[in-house]
Amino acid sequence: IRYFRKERGLSQEELAHQASLHNT
């Protein structure tokens, strides 16, 4: 998850928002 998130330049918060999940 971290690899693909960072590869796309997303923060945890941005990924959480796009996935409709909580950032924590």
PDBML (XML) file of the C-alpha atoms, coordinates in Angstrom:
<?xml version="1.0" encoding="UTF-8" ?>
<PDBx:datablock datablockName="MODEL"
   xmlns:PDBx="http://pdbml.pdb.org/schema/pdbx-v50.xsd"
   xmlns:xsi="http://www.w3.org/2001/XMLSchema-instance"
   xsi:schemaLocation="http://pdbml.pdb.org/schema/pdbx-v50.xsd pdbx-v50.xsd">
   <PDBx:atom_siteCategory>
      <PDBx:atom_site id="1">
         <PDBx:B_iso_or_equiv>0.00</PDBx:B_iso_or_equiv>
         <PDBx:Cartn_x>0.000</PDBx:Cartn_x>
         <PDBx:Cartn_y>0.000</PDBx:Cartn_y>
         <PDBx:Cartn_z>0.000</PDBx:Cartn_z>
         <PDBx:auth_asym_id>A</PDBx:auth_asym_id>
         <PDBx:auth_atom_id>CA</PDBx:auth_atom_id>
         <PDBx:auth_comp_id>ILE</PDBx:auth_comp_id>
         <PDBx:auth_seq_id>1</PDBx:auth_seq_id>
         <PDBx:group_PDB>ATOM</PDBx:group_PDB>
         <PDBx:label_alt_id xsi:nil="true" />
         <PDBx:label_asym_id>A</PDBx:label_asym_id>
         <PDBx:label_atom_id>CA</PDBx:label_atom_id>
         <PDBx:label_comp_id>ILE</PDBx:label_comp_id>
         <PDBx:label_entity_id>1</PDBx:label_entity_id>
         <PDBx:label_seq_id>1</PDBx:label_seq_id>
         <PDBx:occupancy>1.00</PDBx:occupancy>
         <PDBx:pdbx_PDB_model_num>1</PDBx:pdbx_PDB_model_num>
         <PDBx:type_symbol>C</PDBx:type_symbol>
      </PDBx:atom_site>
      <PDBx:atom_site id="2">
         <PDBx:B_iso_or_equiv>0.00</PDBx:B_iso_or_equiv>
         <PDBx:Cartn_x>2.771</PDBx:Cartn_x>
         <PDBx:Cartn_y>2.448</PDBx:Cartn_y>
         <PDBx:Cartn_z>0.963</PDBx:Cartn_z>
         <PDBx:auth_asym_id>A</PDBx:auth_asym_id>
         <PDBx:auth_atom_id>CA</PDBx:auth_atom_id>
         <PDBx:auth_comp_id>ARG</PDBx:auth_comp_id>
         <PDBx:auth_seq_id>2</PDBx:auth_seq_id>
         <PDBx:group_PDB>ATOM</PDBx:group_PDB>
         <PDBx:label_alt_id xsi:nil="true" />
         <PDBx:label_asym_id>A</PDBx:label_asym_id>
         <PDBx:label_atom_id>CA</PDBx:label_atom_id>
         <PDBx:label_comp_id>ARG</PDBx:label_comp_id>
         <PDBx:label_entity_id>1</PDBx:label_entity_id>
         <PDBx:label_seq_id>2</PDBx:label_seq_id>
         <PDBx:occupancy>1.00</PDBx:occupancy>
         <PDBx:pdbx_PDB_model_num>1</PDBx:pdbx_PDB_model_num>
         <PDBx:type_symbol>C</PDBx:type_symbol>
      </PDBx:atom_site>
      <PDBx:atom_site id="3">
         <PDBx:B_iso_or_equiv>0.00</PDBx:B_iso_or_equiv>
         <PDBx:Cartn_x>4.739</PDBx:Cartn_x>
         <PDBx:Cartn_y>1.676</PDBx:Cartn_y>
         <PDBx:Cartn_z>-2.212</PDBx:Cartn_z>
         <PDBx:auth_asym_id>A</PDBx:auth_asym_id>
         <PDBx:auth_atom_id>CA</PDBx:auth_atom_id>
         <PDBx:auth_comp_id>TYR</PDBx:auth_comp_id>
         <PDBx:auth_seq_id>3</PDBx:auth_seq_id>
         <PDBx:group_PDB>ATOM</PDBx:group_PDB>
         <PDBx:label_alt_id xsi:nil="true" />
         <PDBx:label_asym_id>A</PDBx:label_asym_id>
         <PDBx:label_atom_id>CA</PDBx:label_atom_id>
         <PDBx:label_comp_id>TYR</PDBx:label_comp_id>
         <PDBx:label_entity_id>1</PDBx:label_entity_id>
         <PDBx:label_seq_id>3</PDBx:label_seq_id>
         <PDBx:occupancy>1.00</PDBx:occupancy>
         <PDBx:pdbx_PDB_model_num>1</PDBx:pdbx_PDB_model_num>
         <PDBx:type_symbol>C</PDBx:type_symbol>
      </PDBx:atom_site>
      <PDBx:atom_site id="4">
         <PDBx:B_iso_or_equiv>0.00</PDBx:B_iso_or_equiv>
         <PDBx:Cartn_x>1.818</PDBx:Cartn_x>
         <PDBx:Cartn_y>2.296</PDBx:Cartn_y>
         <PDBx:Cartn_z>-4.569</PDBx:Cartn_z>
         <PDBx:auth_asym_id>A</PDBx:auth_asym_id>
         <PDBx:auth_atom_id>CA</PDBx:auth_atom_id>
         <PDBx:auth_comp_id>PHE</PDBx:auth_comp_id>
         <PDBx:auth_seq_id>4</PDBx:auth_seq_id>
         <PDBx:group_PDB>ATOM</PDBx:group_PDB>
         <PDBx:label_alt_id xsi:nil="true" />
         <PDBx:label_asym_id>A</PDBx:label_asym_id>
         <PDBx:label_atom_id>CA</PDBx:label_atom_id>
         <PDBx:label_comp_id>PHE</PDBx:label_comp_id>
         <PDBx:label_entity_id>1</PDBx:label_entity_id>
         <PDBx:label_seq_id>4</PDBx:label_seq_id>
         <PDBx:occupancy>1.00</PDBx:occupancy>
         <PDBx:pdbx_PDB_model_num>1</PDBx:pdbx_PDB_model_num>
         <PDBx:type_symbol>C</PDBx:type_symbol>
      </PDBx:atom_site>
      <PDBx:atom_site id="5">
         <PDBx:B_iso_or_equiv>0.00</PDBx:B_iso_or_equiv>
         <PDBx:Cartn_x>0.632</PDBx:Cartn_x>
         <PDBx:Cartn_y>5.352</PDBx:Cartn_y>
         <PDBx:Cartn_z>-2.594</PDBx:Cartn_z>
         <PDBx:auth_asym_id>A</PDBx:auth_asym_id>
         <PDBx:auth_atom_id>CA</PDBx:auth_atom_id>
         <PDBx:auth_comp_id>ARG</PDBx:auth_comp_id>
         <PDBx:auth_seq_id>5</PDBx:auth_seq_id>
         <PDBx:group_PDB>ATOM</PDBx:group_PDB>
         <PDBx:label_alt_id xsi:nil="true" />
         <PDBx:label_asym_id>A</PDBx:label_asym_id>
         <PDBx:label_atom_id>CA</PDBx:label_atom_id>
         <PDBx:label_comp_id>ARG</PDBx:label_comp_id>
         <PDBx:label_entity_id>1</PDBx:label_entity_id>
         <PDBx:label_seq_id>5</PDBx:label_seq_id>
         <PDBx:occupancy>1.00</PDBx:occupancy>
         <PDBx:pdbx_PDB_model_num>1</PDBx:pdbx_PDB_model_num>
         <PDBx:type_symbol>C</PDBx:type_symbol>
      </PDBx:atom_site>
      <PDBx:atom_site id="6">
         <PDBx:B_iso_or_equiv>0.00</PDBx:B_iso_or_equiv>
         <PDBx:Cartn_x>4.061</PDBx:Cartn_x>
         <PDBx:Cartn_y>7.001</PDBx:Cartn_y>
         <PDBx:Cartn_z>-2.669</PDBx:Cartn_z>
         <PDBx:auth_asym_id>A</PDBx:auth_asym_id>
         <PDBx:auth_atom_id>CA</PDBx:auth_atom_id>
         <PDBx:auth_comp_id>LYS</PDBx:auth_comp_id>
         <PDBx:auth_seq_id>6</PDBx:auth_seq_id>
         <PDBx:group_PDB>ATOM</PDBx:group_PDB>
         <PDBx:label_alt_id xsi:nil="true" />
         <PDBx:label_asym_id>A</PDBx:label_asym_id>
         <PDBx:label_atom_id>CA</PDBx:label_atom_id>
         <PDBx:label_comp_id>LYS</PDBx:label_comp_id>
         <PDBx:label_entity_id>1</PDBx:label_entity_id>
         <PDBx:label_seq_id>6</PDBx:label_seq_id>
         <PDBx:occupancy>1.00</PDBx:occupancy>
         <PDBx:pdbx_PDB_model_num>1</PDBx:pdbx_PDB_model_num>
         <PDBx:type_symbol>C</PDBx:type_symbol>
      </PDBx:atom_site>
      <PDBx:atom_site id="7">
         <PDBx:B_iso_or_equiv>0.00</PDBx:B_iso_or_equiv>
         <PDBx:Cartn_x>4.577</PDBx:Cartn_x>
         <PDBx:Cartn_y>6.041</PDBx:Cartn_y>
         <PDBx:Cartn_z>-6.305</PDBx:Cartn_z>
         <PDBx:auth_asym_id>A</PDBx:auth_asym_id>
         <PDBx:auth_atom_id>CA</PDBx:auth_atom_id>
         <PDBx:auth_comp_id>GLU</PDBx:auth_comp_id>
         <PDBx:auth_seq_id>7</PDBx:auth_seq_id>
         <PDBx:group_PDB>ATOM</PDBx:group_PDB>
         <PDBx:label_alt_id xsi:nil="true" />
         <PDBx:label_asym_id>A</PDBx:label_asym_id>
         <PDBx:label_atom_id>CA</PDBx:label_atom_id>
         <PDBx:label_comp_id>GLU</PDBx:label_comp_id>
         <PDBx:label_entity_id>1</PDBx:label_entity_id>
         <PDBx:label_seq_id>7</PDBx:label_seq_id>
         <PDBx:occupancy>1.00</PDBx:occupancy>
         <PDBx:pdbx_PDB_model_num>1</PDBx:pdbx_PDB_model_num>
         <PDBx:type_symbol>C</PDBx:type_symbol>
      </PDBx:atom_site>
      <PDBx:atom_site id="8">
         <PDBx:B_iso_or_equiv>0.00</PDBx:B_iso_or_equiv>
         <PDBx:Cartn_x>1.447</PDBx:Cartn_x>
         <PDBx:Cartn_y>8.064</PDBx:Cartn_y>
         <PDBx:Cartn_z>-7.081</PDBx:Cartn_z>
         <PDBx:auth_asym_id>A</PDBx:auth_asym_id>
         <PDBx:auth_atom_id>CA</PDBx:auth_atom_id>
         <PDBx:auth_comp_id>ARG</PDBx:auth_comp_id>
         <PDBx:auth_seq_id>8</PDBx:auth_seq_id>
         <PDBx:group_PDB>ATOM</PDBx:group_PDB>
         <PDBx:label_alt_id xsi:nil="true" />
         <PDBx:label_asym_id>A</PDBx:label_asym_id>
         <PDBx:label_atom_id>CA</PDBx:label_atom_id>
         <PDBx:label_comp_id>ARG</PDBx:label_comp_id>
         <PDBx:label_entity_id>1</PDBx:label_entity_id>
         <PDBx:label_seq_id>8</PDBx:label_seq_id>
         <PDBx:occupancy>1.00</PDBx:occupancy>
         <PDBx:pdbx_PDB_model_num>1</PDBx:pdbx_PDB_model_num>
         <PDBx:type_symbol>C</PDBx:type_symbol>
      </PDBx:atom_site>
      <PDBx:atom_site id="9">
         <PDBx:B_iso_or_equiv>0.00</PDBx:B_iso_or_equiv>
         <PDBx:Cartn_x>2.480</PDBx:Cartn_x>
         <PDBx:Cartn_y>10.973</PDBx:Cartn_y>
         <PDBx:Cartn_z>-4.871</PDBx:Cartn_z>
         <PDBx:auth_asym_id>A</PDBx:auth_asym_id>
         <PDBx:auth_atom_id>CA</PDBx:auth_atom_id>
         <PDBx:auth_comp_id>GLY</PDBx:auth_comp_id>
         <PDBx:auth_seq_id>9</PDBx:auth_seq_id>
         <PDBx:group_PDB>ATOM</PDBx:group_PDB>
         <PDBx:label_alt_id xsi:nil="true" />
         <PDBx:label_asym_id>A</PDBx:label_asym_id>
         <PDBx:label_atom_id>CA</PDBx:label_atom_id>
         <PDBx:label_comp_id>GLY</PDBx:label_comp_id>
         <PDBx:label_entity_id>1</PDBx:label_entity_id>
         <PDBx:label_seq_id>9</PDBx:label_seq_id>
         <PDBx:occupancy>1.00</PDBx:occupancy>
         <PDBx:pdbx_PDB_model_num>1</PDBx:pdbx_PDB_model_num>
         <PDBx:type_symbol>C</PDBx:type_symbol>
      </PDBx:atom_site>
      <PDBx:atom_site id="10">
         <PDBx:B_iso_or_equiv>0.00</PDBx:B_iso_or_equiv>
         <PDBx:Cartn_x>-0.490</PDBx:Cartn_x>
         <PDBx:Cartn_y>10.623</PDBx:Cartn_y>
         <PDBx:Cartn_z>-2.532</PDBx:Cartn_z>
         <PDBx:auth_asym_id>A</PDBx:auth_asym_id>
         <PDBx:auth_atom_id>CA</PDBx:auth_atom_id>
         <PDBx:auth_comp_id>LEU</PDBx:auth_comp_id>
         <PDBx:auth_seq_id>10</PDBx:auth_seq_id>
         <PDBx:group_PDB>ATOM</PDBx:group_PDB>
         <PDBx:label_alt_id xsi:nil="true" />
         <PDBx:label_asym_id>A</PDBx:label_asym_id>
         <PDBx:label_atom_id>CA</PDBx:label_atom_id>
         <PDBx:label_comp_id>LEU</PDBx:label_comp_id>
         <PDBx:label_entity_id>1</PDBx:label_entity_id>
         <PDBx:label_seq_id>10</PDBx:label_seq_id>
         <PDBx:occupancy>1.00</PDBx:occupancy>
         <PDBx:pdbx_PDB_model_num>1</PDBx:pdbx_PDB_model_num>
         <PDBx:type_symbol>C</PDBx:type_symbol>
      </PDBx:atom_site>
      <PDBx:atom_site id="11">
         <PDBx:B_iso_or_equiv>0.00</PDBx:B_iso_or_equiv>
         <PDBx:Cartn_x>-0.551</PDBx:Cartn_x>
         <PDBx:Cartn_y>11.359</PDBx:Cartn_y>
         <PDBx:Cartn_z>1.178</PDBx:Cartn_z>
         <PDBx:auth_asym_id>A</PDBx:auth_asym_id>
         <PDBx:auth_atom_id>CA</PDBx:auth_atom_id>
         <PDBx:auth_comp_id>SER</PDBx:auth_comp_id>
         <PDBx:auth_seq_id>11</PDBx:auth_seq_id>
         <PDBx:group_PDB>ATOM</PDBx:group_PDB>
         <PDBx:label_alt_id xsi:nil="true" />
         <PDBx:label_asym_id>A</PDBx:label_asym_id>
         <PDBx:label_atom_id>CA</PDBx:label_atom_id>
         <PDBx:label_comp_id>SER</PDBx:label_comp_id>
         <PDBx:label_entity_id>1</PDBx:label_entity_id>
         <PDBx:label_seq_id>11</PDBx:label_seq_id>
         <PDBx:occupancy>1.00</PDBx:occupancy>
         <PDBx:pdbx_PDB_model_num>1</PDBx:pdbx_PDB_model_num>
         <PDBx:type_symbol>C</PDBx:type_symbol>
      </PDBx:atom_site>
      <PDBx:atom_site id="12">
         <PDBx:B_iso_or_equiv>0.00</PDBx:B_iso_or_equiv>
         <PDBx:Cartn_x>-2.250</PDBx:Cartn_x>
         <PDBx:Cartn_y>8.901</PDBx:Cartn_y>
         <PDBx:Cartn_z>3.516</PDBx:Cartn_z>
         <PDBx:auth_asym_id>A</PDBx:auth_asym_id>
         <PDBx:auth_atom_id>CA</PDBx:auth_atom_id>
         <PDBx:auth_comp_id>GLN</PDBx:auth_comp_id>
         <PDBx:auth_seq_id>12</PDBx:auth_seq_id>
         <PDBx:group_PDB>ATOM</PDBx:group_PDB>
         <PDBx:label_alt_id xsi:nil="true" />
         <PDBx:label_asym_id>A</PDBx:label_asym_id>
         <PDBx:label_atom_id>CA</PDBx:label_atom_id>
         <PDBx:label_comp_id>GLN</PDBx:label_comp_id>
         <PDBx:label_entity_id>1</PDBx:label_entity_id>
         <PDBx:label_seq_id>12</PDBx:label_seq_id>
         <PDBx:occupancy>1.00</PDBx:occupancy>
         <PDBx:pdbx_PDB_model_num>1</PDBx:pdbx_PDB_model_num>
         <PDBx:type_symbol>C</PDBx:type_symbol>
      </PDBx:atom_site>
      <PDBx:atom_site id="13">
         <PDBx:B_iso_or_equiv>0.00</PDBx:B_iso_or_equiv>
         <PDBx:Cartn_x>-5.068</PDBx:Cartn_x>
         <PDBx:Cartn_y>11.424</PDBx:Cartn_y>
         <PDBx:Cartn_z>3.889</PDBx:Cartn_z>
         <PDBx:auth_asym_id>A</PDBx:auth_asym_id>
         <PDBx:auth_atom_id>CA</PDBx:auth_atom_id>
         <PDBx:auth_comp_id>GLU</PDBx:auth_comp_id>
         <PDBx:auth_seq_id>13</PDBx:auth_seq_id>
         <PDBx:group_PDB>ATOM</PDBx:group_PDB>
         <PDBx:label_alt_id xsi:nil="true" />
         <PDBx:label_asym_id>A</PDBx:label_asym_id>
         <PDBx:label_atom_id>CA</PDBx:label_atom_id>
         <PDBx:label_comp_id>GLU</PDBx:label_comp_id>
         <PDBx:label_entity_id>1</PDBx:label_entity_id>
         <PDBx:label_seq_id>13</PDBx:label_seq_id>
         <PDBx:occupancy>1.00</PDBx:occupancy>
         <PDBx:pdbx_PDB_model_num>1</PDBx:pdbx_PDB_model_num>
         <PDBx:type_symbol>C</PDBx:type_symbol>
      </PDBx:atom_site>
      <PDBx:atom_site id="14">
         <PDBx:B_iso_or_equiv>0.00</PDBx:B_iso_or_equiv>
         <PDBx:Cartn_x>-5.547</PDBx:Cartn_x>
         <PDBx:Cartn_y>11.747</PDBx:Cartn_y>
         <PDBx:Cartn_z>0.124</PDBx:Cartn_z>
         <PDBx:auth_asym_id>A</PDBx:auth_asym_id>
         <PDBx:auth_atom_id>CA</PDBx:auth_atom_id>
         <PDBx:auth_comp_id>GLU</PDBx:auth_comp_id>
         <PDBx:auth_seq_id>14</PDBx:auth_seq_id>
         <PDBx:group_PDB>ATOM</PDBx:group_PDB>
         <PDBx:label_alt_id xsi:nil="true" />
         <PDBx:label_asym_id>A</PDBx:label_asym_id>
         <PDBx:label_atom_id>CA</PDBx:label_atom_id>
         <PDBx:label_comp_id>GLU</PDBx:label_comp_id>
         <PDBx:label_entity_id>1</PDBx:label_entity_id>
         <PDBx:label_seq_id>14</PDBx:label_seq_id>
         <PDBx:occupancy>1.00</PDBx:occupancy>
         <PDBx:pdbx_PDB_model_num>1</PDBx:pdbx_PDB_model_num>
         <PDBx:type_symbol>C</PDBx:type_symbol>
      </PDBx:atom_site>
      <PDBx:atom_site id="15">
         <PDBx:B_iso_or_equiv>0.00</PDBx:B_iso_or_equiv>
         <PDBx:Cartn_x>-5.599</PDBx:Cartn_x>
         <PDBx:Cartn_y>7.982</PDBx:Cartn_y>
         <PDBx:Cartn_z>-0.339</PDBx:Cartn_z>
         <PDBx:auth_asym_id>A</PDBx:auth_asym_id>
         <PDBx:auth_atom_id>CA</PDBx:auth_atom_id>
         <PDBx:auth_comp_id>LEU</PDBx:auth_comp_id>
         <PDBx:auth_seq_id>15</PDBx:auth_seq_id>
         <PDBx:group_PDB>ATOM</PDBx:group_PDB>
         <PDBx:label_alt_id xsi:nil="true" />
         <PDBx:label_asym_id>A</PDBx:label_asym_id>
         <PDBx:label_atom_id>CA</PDBx:label_atom_id>
         <PDBx:label_comp_id>LEU</PDBx:label_comp_id>
         <PDBx:label_entity_id>1</PDBx:label_entity_id>
         <PDBx:label_seq_id>15</PDBx:label_seq_id>
         <PDBx:occupancy>1.00</PDBx:occupancy>
         <PDBx:pdbx_PDB_model_num>1</PDBx:pdbx_PDB_model_num>
         <PDBx:type_symbol>C</PDBx:type_symbol>
      </PDBx:atom_site>
      <PDBx:atom_site id="16">
         <PDBx:B_iso_or_equiv>0.00</PDBx:B_iso_or_equiv>
         <PDBx:Cartn_x>-8.022</PDBx:Cartn_x>
         <PDBx:Cartn_y>7.565</PDBx:Cartn_y>
         <PDBx:Cartn_z>2.563</PDBx:Cartn_z>
         <PDBx:auth_asym_id>A</PDBx:auth_asym_id>
         <PDBx:auth_atom_id>CA</PDBx:auth_atom_id>
         <PDBx:auth_comp_id>ALA</PDBx:auth_comp_id>
         <PDBx:auth_seq_id>16</PDBx:auth_seq_id>
         <PDBx:group_PDB>ATOM</PDBx:group_PDB>
         <PDBx:label_alt_id xsi:nil="true" />
         <PDBx:label_asym_id>A</PDBx:label_asym_id>
         <PDBx:label_atom_id>CA</PDBx:label_atom_id>
         <PDBx:label_comp_id>ALA</PDBx:label_comp_id>
         <PDBx:label_entity_id>1</PDBx:label_entity_id>
         <PDBx:label_seq_id>16</PDBx:label_seq_id>
         <PDBx:occupancy>1.00</PDBx:occupancy>
         <PDBx:pdbx_PDB_model_num>1</PDBx:pdbx_PDB_model_num>
         <PDBx:type_symbol>C</PDBx:type_symbol>
      </PDBx:atom_site>
      <PDBx:atom_site id="17">
         <PDBx:B_iso_or_equiv>0.00</PDBx:B_iso_or_equiv>
         <PDBx:Cartn_x>-10.352</PDBx:Cartn_x>
         <PDBx:Cartn_y>10.191</PDBx:Cartn_y>
         <PDBx:Cartn_z>1.102</PDBx:Cartn_z>
         <PDBx:auth_asym_id>A</PDBx:auth_asym_id>
         <PDBx:auth_atom_id>CA</PDBx:auth_atom_id>
         <PDBx:auth_comp_id>HIS</PDBx:auth_comp_id>
         <PDBx:auth_seq_id>17</PDBx:auth_seq_id>
         <PDBx:group_PDB>ATOM</PDBx:group_PDB>
         <PDBx:label_alt_id xsi:nil="true" />
         <PDBx:label_asym_id>A</PDBx:label_asym_id>
         <PDBx:label_atom_id>CA</PDBx:label_atom_id>
         <PDBx:label_comp_id>HIS</PDBx:label_comp_id>
         <PDBx:label_entity_id>1</PDBx:label_entity_id>
         <PDBx:label_seq_id>17</PDBx:label_seq_id>
         <PDBx:occupancy>1.00</PDBx:occupancy>
         <PDBx:pdbx_PDB_model_num>1</PDBx:pdbx_PDB_model_num>
         <PDBx:type_symbol>C</PDBx:type_symbol>
      </PDBx:atom_site>
      <PDBx:atom_site id="18">
         <PDBx:B_iso_or_equiv>0.00</PDBx:B_iso_or_equiv>
         <PDBx:Cartn_x>-10.293</PDBx:Cartn_x>
         <PDBx:Cartn_y>8.629</PDBx:Cartn_y>
         <PDBx:Cartn_z>-2.377</PDBx:Cartn_z>
         <PDBx:auth_asym_id>A</PDBx:auth_asym_id>
         <PDBx:auth_atom_id>CA</PDBx:auth_atom_id>
         <PDBx:auth_comp_id>GLN</PDBx:auth_comp_id>
         <PDBx:auth_seq_id>18</PDBx:auth_seq_id>
         <PDBx:group_PDB>ATOM</PDBx:group_PDB>
         <PDBx:label_alt_id xsi:nil="true" />
         <PDBx:label_asym_id>A</PDBx:label_asym_id>
         <PDBx:label_atom_id>CA</PDBx:label_atom_id>
         <PDBx:label_comp_id>GLN</PDBx:label_comp_id>
         <PDBx:label_entity_id>1</PDBx:label_entity_id>
         <PDBx:label_seq_id>18</PDBx:label_seq_id>
         <PDBx:occupancy>1.00</PDBx:occupancy>
         <PDBx:pdbx_PDB_model_num>1</PDBx:pdbx_PDB_model_num>
         <PDBx:type_symbol>C</PDBx:type_symbol>
      </PDBx:atom_site>
      <PDBx:atom_site id="19">
         <PDBx:B_iso_or_equiv>0.00</PDBx:B_iso_or_equiv>
         <PDBx:Cartn_x>-10.864</PDBx:Cartn_x>
         <PDBx:Cartn_y>5.152</PDBx:Cartn_y>
         <PDBx:Cartn_z>-0.903</PDBx:Cartn_z>
         <PDBx:auth_asym_id>A</PDBx:auth_asym_id>
         <PDBx:auth_atom_id>CA</PDBx:auth_atom_id>
         <PDBx:auth_comp_id>ALA</PDBx:auth_comp_id>
         <PDBx:auth_seq_id>19</PDBx:auth_seq_id>
         <PDBx:group_PDB>ATOM</PDBx:group_PDB>
         <PDBx:label_alt_id xsi:nil="true" />
         <PDBx:label_asym_id>A</PDBx:label_asym_id>
         <PDBx:label_atom_id>CA</PDBx:label_atom_id>
         <PDBx:label_comp_id>ALA</PDBx:label_comp_id>
         <PDBx:label_entity_id>1</PDBx:label_entity_id>
         <PDBx:label_seq_id>19</PDBx:label_seq_id>
         <PDBx:occupancy>1.00</PDBx:occupancy>
         <PDBx:pdbx_PDB_model_num>1</PDBx:pdbx_PDB_model_num>
         <PDBx:type_symbol>C</PDBx:type_symbol>
      </PDBx:atom_site>
      <PDBx:atom_site id="20">
         <PDBx:B_iso_or_equiv>0.00</PDBx:B_iso_or_equiv>
         <PDBx:Cartn_x>-13.614</PDBx:Cartn_x>
         <PDBx:Cartn_y>6.342</PDBx:Cartn_y>
         <PDBx:Cartn_z>1.487</PDBx:Cartn_z>
         <PDBx:auth_asym_id>A</PDBx:auth_asym_id>
         <PDBx:auth_atom_id>CA</PDBx:auth_atom_id>
         <PDBx:auth_comp_id>SER</PDBx:auth_comp_id>
         <PDBx:auth_seq_id>20</PDBx:auth_seq_id>
         <PDBx:group_PDB>ATOM</PDBx:group_PDB>
         <PDBx:label_alt_id xsi:nil="true" />
         <PDBx:label_asym_id>A</PDBx:label_asym_id>
         <PDBx:label_atom_id>CA</PDBx:label_atom_id>
         <PDBx:label_comp_id>SER</PDBx:label_comp_id>
         <PDBx:label_entity_id>1</PDBx:label_entity_id>
         <PDBx:label_seq_id>20</PDBx:label_seq_id>
         <PDBx:occupancy>1.00</PDBx:occupancy>
         <PDBx:pdbx_PDB_model_num>1</PDBx:pdbx_PDB_model_num>
         <PDBx:type_symbol>C</PDBx:type_symbol>
      </PDBx:atom_site>
      <PDBx:atom_site id="21">
         <PDBx:B_iso_or_equiv>0.00</PDBx:B_iso_or_equiv>
         <PDBx:Cartn_x>-11.608</PDBx:Cartn_x>
         <PDBx:Cartn_y>5.051</PDBx:Cartn_y>
         <PDBx:Cartn_z>4.466</PDBx:Cartn_z>
         <PDBx:auth_asym_id>A</PDBx:auth_asym_id>
         <PDBx:auth_atom_id>CA</PDBx:auth_atom_id>
         <PDBx:auth_comp_id>LEU</PDBx:auth_comp_id>
         <PDBx:auth_seq_id>21</PDBx:auth_seq_id>
         <PDBx:group_PDB>ATOM</PDBx:group_PDB>
         <PDBx:label_alt_id xsi:nil="true" />
         <PDBx:label_asym_id>A</PDBx:label_asym_id>
         <PDBx:label_atom_id>CA</PDBx:label_atom_id>
         <PDBx:label_comp_id>LEU</PDBx:label_comp_id>
         <PDBx:label_entity_id>1</PDBx:label_entity_id>
         <PDBx:label_seq_id>21</PDBx:label_seq_id>
         <PDBx:occupancy>1.00</PDBx:occupancy>
         <PDBx:pdbx_PDB_model_num>1</PDBx:pdbx_PDB_model_num>
         <PDBx:type_symbol>C</PDBx:type_symbol>
      </PDBx:atom_site>
      <PDBx:atom_site id="22">
         <PDBx:B_iso_or_equiv>0.00</PDBx:B_iso_or_equiv>
         <PDBx:Cartn_x>-10.284</PDBx:Cartn_x>
         <PDBx:Cartn_y>6.786</PDBx:Cartn_y>
         <PDBx:Cartn_z>7.574</PDBx:Cartn_z>
         <PDBx:auth_asym_id>A</PDBx:auth_asym_id>
         <PDBx:auth_atom_id>CA</PDBx:auth_atom_id>
         <PDBx:auth_comp_id>HIS</PDBx:auth_comp_id>
         <PDBx:auth_seq_id>22</PDBx:auth_seq_id>
         <PDBx:group_PDB>ATOM</PDBx:group_PDB>
         <PDBx:label_alt_id xsi:nil="true" />
         <PDBx:label_asym_id>A</PDBx:label_asym_id>
         <PDBx:label_atom_id>CA</PDBx:label_atom_id>
         <PDBx:label_comp_id>HIS</PDBx:label_comp_id>
         <PDBx:label_entity_id>1</PDBx:label_entity_id>
         <PDBx:label_seq_id>22</PDBx:label_seq_id>
         <PDBx:occupancy>1.00</PDBx:occupancy>
         <PDBx:pdbx_PDB_model_num>1</PDBx:pdbx_PDB_model_num>
         <PDBx:type_symbol>C</PDBx:type_symbol>
      </PDBx:atom_site>
      <PDBx:atom_site id="23">
         <PDBx:B_iso_or_equiv>0.00</PDBx:B_iso_or_equiv>
         <PDBx:Cartn_x>-6.742</PDBx:Cartn_x>
         <PDBx:Cartn_y>8.167</PDBx:Cartn_y>
         <PDBx:Cartn_z>7.279</PDBx:Cartn_z>
         <PDBx:auth_asym_id>A</PDBx:auth_asym_id>
         <PDBx:auth_atom_id>CA</PDBx:auth_atom_id>
         <PDBx:auth_comp_id>ASN</PDBx:auth_comp_id>
         <PDBx:auth_seq_id>23</PDBx:auth_seq_id>
         <PDBx:group_PDB>ATOM</PDBx:group_PDB>
         <PDBx:label_alt_id xsi:nil="true" />
         <PDBx:label_asym_id>A</PDBx:label_asym_id>
         <PDBx:label_atom_id>CA</PDBx:label_atom_id>
         <PDBx:label_comp_id>ASN</PDBx:label_comp_id>
         <PDBx:label_entity_id>1</PDBx:label_entity_id>
         <PDBx:label_seq_id>23</PDBx:label_seq_id>
         <PDBx:occupancy>1.00</PDBx:occupancy>
         <PDBx:pdbx_PDB_model_num>1</PDBx:pdbx_PDB_model_num>
         <PDBx:type_symbol>C</PDBx:type_symbol>
      </PDBx:atom_site>
      <PDBx:atom_site id="24">
         <PDBx:B_iso_or_equiv>0.00</PDBx:B_iso_or_equiv>
         <PDBx:Cartn_x>-5.648</PDBx:Cartn_x>
         <PDBx:Cartn_y>6.541</PDBx:Cartn_y>
         <PDBx:Cartn_z>10.557</PDBx:Cartn_z>
         <PDBx:auth_asym_id>A</PDBx:auth_asym_id>
         <PDBx:auth_atom_id>CA</PDBx:auth_atom_id>
         <PDBx:auth_comp_id>THR</PDBx:auth_comp_id>
         <PDBx:auth_seq_id>24</PDBx:auth_seq_id>
         <PDBx:group_PDB>ATOM</PDBx:group_PDB>
         <PDBx:label_alt_id xsi:nil="true" />
         <PDBx:label_asym_id>A</PDBx:label_asym_id>
         <PDBx:label_atom_id>CA</PDBx:label_atom_id>
         <PDBx:label_comp_id>THR</PDBx:label_comp_id>
         <PDBx:label_entity_id>1</PDBx:label_entity_id>
         <PDBx:label_seq_id>24</PDBx:label_seq_id>
         <PDBx:occupancy>1.00</PDBx:occupancy>
         <PDBx:pdbx_PDB_model_num>1</PDBx:pdbx_PDB_model_num>
         <PDBx:type_symbol>C</PDBx:type_symbol>
      </PDBx:atom_site>
   </PDBx:atom_siteCategory>
</PDBx:datablock>
